[in-house]
Amino acid sequence: MTDLDMYLDGKLMDLISPTENSTHYRNPLNRKNHQLKKYNDLHGEENGSVCMYFHDPTFYSYDKVEKGLQEVRRWTGRVDIKKVYILKNDGSDIEILDFP
């Protein structure tokens, strides 16, 4: 069965932990988008959030996340991810990105 990893900010979501720098995060976002689709279809829910944890905070940029989601949309036509919580290992606050 497909399960989601965690609750954050009162929302059920899955966790992505990029371990290498990339020009975009299409592949991990695509995997989590697929997992959200399966979970939502199975349970009749509309979860649309993921948390991206960056152990190396230099790997993060808004543009890489946005480009990754654009590529997922181009590949699949359906993106269930609407909100991305960014957690960087540098003591900064959680950043919340909206993708309506």
N, C-alpha and C. Protein backbone atom coordinates (compact mmCIF):
# COMPACT_ATOMS: atom_id res chain seq x y z
N MET A 1 0.85 -1.18 0.00
CA MET A 1 0.00 0.00 0.00
C MET A 1 0.89 1.24 0.00
N THR A 2 0.43 2.27 -0.62
CA THR A 2 1.16 3.53 -0.68
C THR A 2 0.79 4.37 0.52
N ASP A 3 1.80 4.77 1.28
CA ASP A 3 1.59 5.64 2.43
C ASP A 3 2.40 6.90 2.25
N LEU A 4 2.01 7.94 2.97
CA LEU A 4 2.76 9.18 2.98
C LEU A 4 3.57 9.23 4.28
N ASP A 5 4.65 10.00 4.27
CA ASP A 5 5.65 9.93 5.33
C ASP A 5 5.34 10.68 6.61
N MET A 6 4.69 11.83 6.52
CA MET A 6 4.70 12.70 7.70
C MET A 6 3.55 13.69 7.69
N TYR A 7 3.31 14.27 8.88
CA TYR A 7 2.43 15.42 9.03
C TYR A 7 3.30 16.63 9.32
N LEU A 8 3.01 17.73 8.64
CA LEU A 8 3.69 18.99 8.89
C LEU A 8 2.67 20.09 8.67
N ASP A 9 2.59 21.01 9.60
CA ASP A 9 1.65 22.12 9.48
C ASP A 9 0.22 21.60 9.32
N GLY A 10 -0.06 20.45 9.95
CA GLY A 10 -1.39 19.86 9.88
C GLY A 10 -1.71 19.17 8.57
N LYS A 11 -0.72 19.00 7.71
CA LYS A 11 -0.95 18.38 6.40
C LYS A 11 -0.16 17.08 6.28
N LEU A 12 -0.80 16.09 5.70
CA LEU A 12 -0.16 14.82 5.41
C LEU A 12 0.63 14.97 4.12
N MET A 13 1.89 14.54 4.12
CA MET A 13 2.72 14.73 2.93
C MET A 13 3.83 13.71 2.88
N ASP A 14 4.56 13.73 1.80
CA ASP A 14 5.70 12.87 1.61
C ASP A 14 6.97 13.69 1.69
N LEU A 15 8.07 13.03 1.96
CA LEU A 15 9.36 13.69 2.17
C LEU A 15 10.31 13.36 1.02
N ILE A 16 10.99 14.39 0.52
CA ILE A 16 12.01 14.25 -0.51
C ILE A 16 13.31 14.78 0.10
N SER A 17 14.38 14.02 -0.01
CA SER A 17 15.68 14.46 0.50
C SER A 17 16.72 14.38 -0.62
N PRO A 18 16.84 15.43 -1.43
CA PRO A 18 17.83 15.40 -2.51
C PRO A 18 19.24 15.21 -1.94
N THR A 19 19.97 14.26 -2.50
CA THR A 19 21.32 13.96 -2.02
C THR A 19 22.40 14.42 -2.99
N GLU A 20 21.97 15.02 -4.10
CA GLU A 20 22.94 15.58 -5.04
C GLU A 20 22.35 16.84 -5.65
N ASN A 21 23.23 17.72 -6.06
CA ASN A 21 22.80 18.96 -6.68
C ASN A 21 22.30 18.66 -8.08
N SER A 22 21.34 19.42 -8.54
CA SER A 22 20.74 19.17 -9.83
C SER A 22 20.33 20.50 -10.45
N THR A 23 20.16 20.52 -11.76
CA THR A 23 19.66 21.73 -12.40
C THR A 23 18.16 21.88 -12.17
N HIS A 24 17.51 20.78 -11.82
CA HIS A 24 16.09 20.76 -11.43
C HIS A 24 15.87 19.46 -10.66
N TYR A 25 14.74 19.35 -10.01
CA TYR A 25 14.45 18.16 -9.22
C TYR A 25 13.26 17.40 -9.81
N ARG A 26 13.24 17.29 -11.13
CA ARG A 26 12.14 16.63 -11.84
C ARG A 26 11.95 15.19 -11.38
N ASN A 27 13.01 14.41 -11.33
CA ASN A 27 12.85 12.99 -11.02
C ASN A 27 12.30 12.74 -9.63
N PRO A 28 12.87 13.33 -8.56
CA PRO A 28 12.27 13.07 -7.24
C PRO A 28 10.87 13.66 -7.12
N LEU A 29 10.63 14.82 -7.73
CA LEU A 29 9.28 15.39 -7.68
C LEU A 29 8.30 14.53 -8.46
N ASN A 30 8.72 13.96 -9.57
CA ASN A 30 7.86 13.08 -10.35
C ASN A 30 7.50 11.82 -9.54
N ARG A 31 8.49 11.23 -8.86
CA ARG A 31 8.21 10.04 -8.03
C ARG A 31 7.19 10.38 -6.93
N LYS A 32 7.38 11.51 -6.27
CA LYS A 32 6.47 11.88 -5.18
C LYS A 32 5.10 12.30 -5.73
N ASN A 33 5.06 12.92 -6.88
CA ASN A 33 3.79 13.27 -7.51
C ASN A 33 3.00 11.99 -7.81
N HIS A 34 3.70 10.99 -8.36
CA HIS A 34 3.06 9.71 -8.65
C HIS A 34 2.54 9.06 -7.37
N GLN A 35 3.34 9.13 -6.31
CA GLN A 35 2.92 8.55 -5.03
C GLN A 35 1.70 9.29 -4.48
N LEU A 36 1.69 10.62 -4.57
CA LEU A 36 0.52 11.38 -4.13
C LEU A 36 -0.72 10.99 -4.93
N LYS A 37 -0.57 10.86 -6.26
CA LYS A 37 -1.70 10.46 -7.11
C LYS A 37 -2.27 9.13 -6.64
N LYS A 38 -1.38 8.13 -6.46
CA LYS A 38 -1.84 6.81 -6.04
C LYS A 38 -2.53 6.87 -4.69
N TYR A 39 -1.93 7.58 -3.73
CA TYR A 39 -2.50 7.68 -2.40
C TYR A 39 -3.87 8.38 -2.46
N ASN A 40 -3.92 9.51 -3.14
CA ASN A 40 -5.18 10.26 -3.23
C ASN A 40 -6.28 9.46 -3.92
N ASP A 41 -5.93 8.79 -5.02
CA ASP A 41 -6.93 7.97 -5.73
C ASP A 41 -7.41 6.81 -4.86
N LEU A 42 -6.50 6.18 -4.14
CA LEU A 42 -6.83 5.04 -3.30
C LEU A 42 -7.72 5.43 -2.12
N HIS A 43 -7.45 6.60 -1.53
CA HIS A 43 -8.16 7.01 -0.32
C HIS A 43 -9.22 8.08 -0.57
N GLY A 44 -9.38 8.51 -1.82
CA GLY A 44 -10.36 9.55 -2.12
C GLY A 44 -10.02 10.87 -1.44
N GLU A 45 -8.74 11.17 -1.34
CA GLU A 45 -8.29 12.40 -0.68
C GLU A 45 -7.64 13.33 -1.70
N GLU A 46 -7.29 14.52 -1.24
CA GLU A 46 -6.65 15.50 -2.11
C GLU A 46 -5.41 16.09 -1.44
N ASN A 47 -4.50 15.23 -1.01
CA ASN A 47 -3.25 15.72 -0.45
C ASN A 47 -2.40 16.27 -1.59
N GLY A 48 -1.81 17.44 -1.38
CA GLY A 48 -1.05 18.07 -2.45
C GLY A 48 0.25 18.68 -1.97
N SER A 49 0.78 18.17 -0.86
CA SER A 49 1.99 18.77 -0.30
C SER A 49 3.13 17.76 -0.22
N VAL A 50 4.34 18.26 -0.40
CA VAL A 50 5.55 17.49 -0.15
C VAL A 50 6.51 18.38 0.64
N CYS A 51 7.41 17.73 1.36
CA CYS A 51 8.46 18.44 2.08
C CYS A 51 9.80 18.05 1.45
N MET A 52 10.57 19.04 1.07
CA MET A 52 11.91 18.79 0.55
C MET A 52 12.91 19.20 1.62
N TYR A 53 13.67 18.21 2.10
CA TYR A 53 14.69 18.47 3.11
C TYR A 53 16.05 18.50 2.42
N PHE A 54 16.77 19.60 2.57
CA PHE A 54 18.08 19.77 1.97
C PHE A 54 19.13 19.73 3.06
N HIS A 55 19.79 18.56 3.20
CA HIS A 55 20.88 18.45 4.17
C HIS A 55 21.98 19.44 3.80
N ASP A 56 22.26 19.56 2.50
CA ASP A 56 23.19 20.58 2.01
C ASP A 56 22.34 21.73 1.47
N PRO A 57 22.21 22.81 2.22
CA PRO A 57 21.32 23.89 1.81
C PRO A 57 21.71 24.56 0.49
N THR A 58 22.93 24.38 0.03
CA THR A 58 23.34 24.98 -1.24
C THR A 58 22.67 24.30 -2.43
N PHE A 59 22.09 23.13 -2.23
CA PHE A 59 21.39 22.43 -3.31
C PHE A 59 20.06 23.09 -3.65
N TYR A 60 19.51 23.88 -2.74
CA TYR A 60 18.17 24.43 -2.93
C TYR A 60 18.19 25.74 -3.72
N SER A 61 17.23 25.86 -4.63
CA SER A 61 16.84 27.15 -5.19
C SER A 61 15.39 27.01 -5.65
N TYR A 62 14.66 28.10 -5.53
CA TYR A 62 13.26 28.11 -5.96
C TYR A 62 13.16 27.71 -7.43
N ASP A 63 14.07 28.24 -8.24
CA ASP A 63 14.02 27.95 -9.69
C ASP A 63 14.14 26.47 -9.99
N LYS A 64 14.97 25.74 -9.24
CA LYS A 64 15.14 24.30 -9.48
C LYS A 64 13.86 23.52 -9.16
N VAL A 65 13.18 23.94 -8.08
CA VAL A 65 11.93 23.28 -7.70
C VAL A 65 10.85 23.61 -8.74
N GLU A 66 10.74 24.88 -9.10
CA GLU A 66 9.74 25.30 -10.09
C GLU A 66 9.97 24.61 -11.43
N LYS A 67 11.21 24.56 -11.89
CA LYS A 67 11.52 23.91 -13.16
C LYS A 67 11.21 22.41 -13.09
N GLY A 68 11.50 21.79 -11.95
CA GLY A 68 11.18 20.37 -11.79
C GLY A 68 9.69 20.11 -11.91
N LEU A 69 8.87 20.94 -11.28
CA LEU A 69 7.42 20.77 -11.36
C LEU A 69 6.91 21.05 -12.77
N GLN A 70 7.49 22.02 -13.46
CA GLN A 70 7.11 22.28 -14.86
C GLN A 70 7.39 21.06 -15.73
N GLU A 71 8.53 20.42 -15.50
CA GLU A 71 8.89 19.22 -16.26
C GLU A 71 7.94 18.07 -15.93
N VAL A 72 7.57 17.92 -14.67
CA VAL A 72 6.61 16.87 -14.29
C VAL A 72 5.29 17.12 -15.02
N ARG A 73 4.84 18.35 -15.03
CA ARG A 73 3.58 18.69 -15.72
C ARG A 73 3.69 18.38 -17.22
N ARG A 74 4.82 18.70 -17.81
CA ARG A 74 5.03 18.45 -19.24
C ARG A 74 5.01 16.95 -19.52
N TRP A 75 5.59 16.14 -18.63
CA TRP A 75 5.66 14.68 -18.81
C TRP A 75 4.32 14.01 -18.57
N THR A 76 3.64 14.42 -17.49
CA THR A 76 2.48 13.66 -17.04
C THR A 76 1.14 14.34 -17.30
N GLY A 77 1.15 15.66 -17.43
CA GLY A 77 -0.09 16.39 -17.62
C GLY A 77 -0.87 16.63 -16.33
N ARG A 78 -0.53 15.90 -15.28
CA ARG A 78 -1.26 16.04 -14.01
C ARG A 78 -0.24 16.18 -12.88
N VAL A 79 -0.31 17.31 -12.19
CA VAL A 79 0.57 17.51 -11.04
C VAL A 79 -0.30 17.69 -9.81
N ASP A 80 -0.19 16.74 -8.89
CA ASP A 80 -0.94 16.81 -7.64
C ASP A 80 -0.23 17.68 -6.61
N ILE A 81 1.05 17.92 -6.80
CA ILE A 81 1.82 18.74 -5.84
C ILE A 81 1.42 20.20 -6.02
N LYS A 82 0.86 20.76 -4.98
CA LYS A 82 0.42 22.16 -4.98
C LYS A 82 1.23 23.02 -4.02
N LYS A 83 1.85 22.38 -3.04
CA LYS A 83 2.59 23.11 -2.02
C LYS A 83 3.86 22.32 -1.69
N VAL A 84 4.98 23.03 -1.66
CA VAL A 84 6.26 22.41 -1.34
C VAL A 84 6.84 23.11 -0.11
N TYR A 85 7.05 22.35 0.94
CA TYR A 85 7.68 22.86 2.16
C TYR A 85 9.18 22.63 2.03
N ILE A 86 9.96 23.68 2.17
CA ILE A 86 11.41 23.60 2.04
C ILE A 86 12.03 23.69 3.42
N LEU A 87 12.78 22.67 3.76
CA LEU A 87 13.48 22.61 5.04
C LEU A 87 14.96 22.45 4.76
N LYS A 88 15.73 23.50 5.09
CA LYS A 88 17.17 23.48 4.83
C LYS A 88 17.91 23.25 6.15
N ASN A 89 18.98 22.52 6.09
CA ASN A 89 19.79 22.20 7.26
C ASN A 89 20.75 23.36 7.57
N ASP A 90 20.17 24.53 7.79
CA ASP A 90 20.99 25.69 8.12
C ASP A 90 20.38 26.55 9.22
N GLY A 91 19.33 26.01 9.85
CA GLY A 91 18.68 26.74 10.94
C GLY A 91 17.65 27.76 10.49
N SER A 92 17.44 27.90 9.19
CA SER A 92 16.45 28.87 8.70
C SER A 92 15.04 28.31 8.89
N ASP A 93 14.07 29.19 8.81
CA ASP A 93 12.68 28.80 8.93
C ASP A 93 12.25 27.97 7.72
N ILE A 94 11.19 27.22 7.89
CA ILE A 94 10.62 26.46 6.78
C ILE A 94 10.05 27.45 5.78
N GLU A 95 10.35 27.23 4.52
CA GLU A 95 9.85 28.06 3.43
C GLU A 95 8.71 27.27 2.77
N ILE A 96 7.61 27.95 2.48
CA ILE A 96 6.46 27.29 1.85
C ILE A 96 6.26 27.88 0.46
N LEU A 97 6.31 27.01 -0.53
CA LEU A 97 6.13 27.42 -1.93
C LEU A 97 4.77 26.94 -2.42
N ASP A 98 3.99 27.82 -3.00
CA ASP A 98 2.68 27.47 -3.55
C ASP A 98 2.77 27.35 -5.06
N PHE A 99 2.19 26.29 -5.59
CA PHE A 99 2.12 26.05 -7.04
C PHE A 99 0.68 25.68 -7.40
N PRO A 100 -0.19 26.70 -7.55
CA PRO A 100 -1.61 26.43 -7.82
C PRO A 100 -1.85 25.77 -9.16
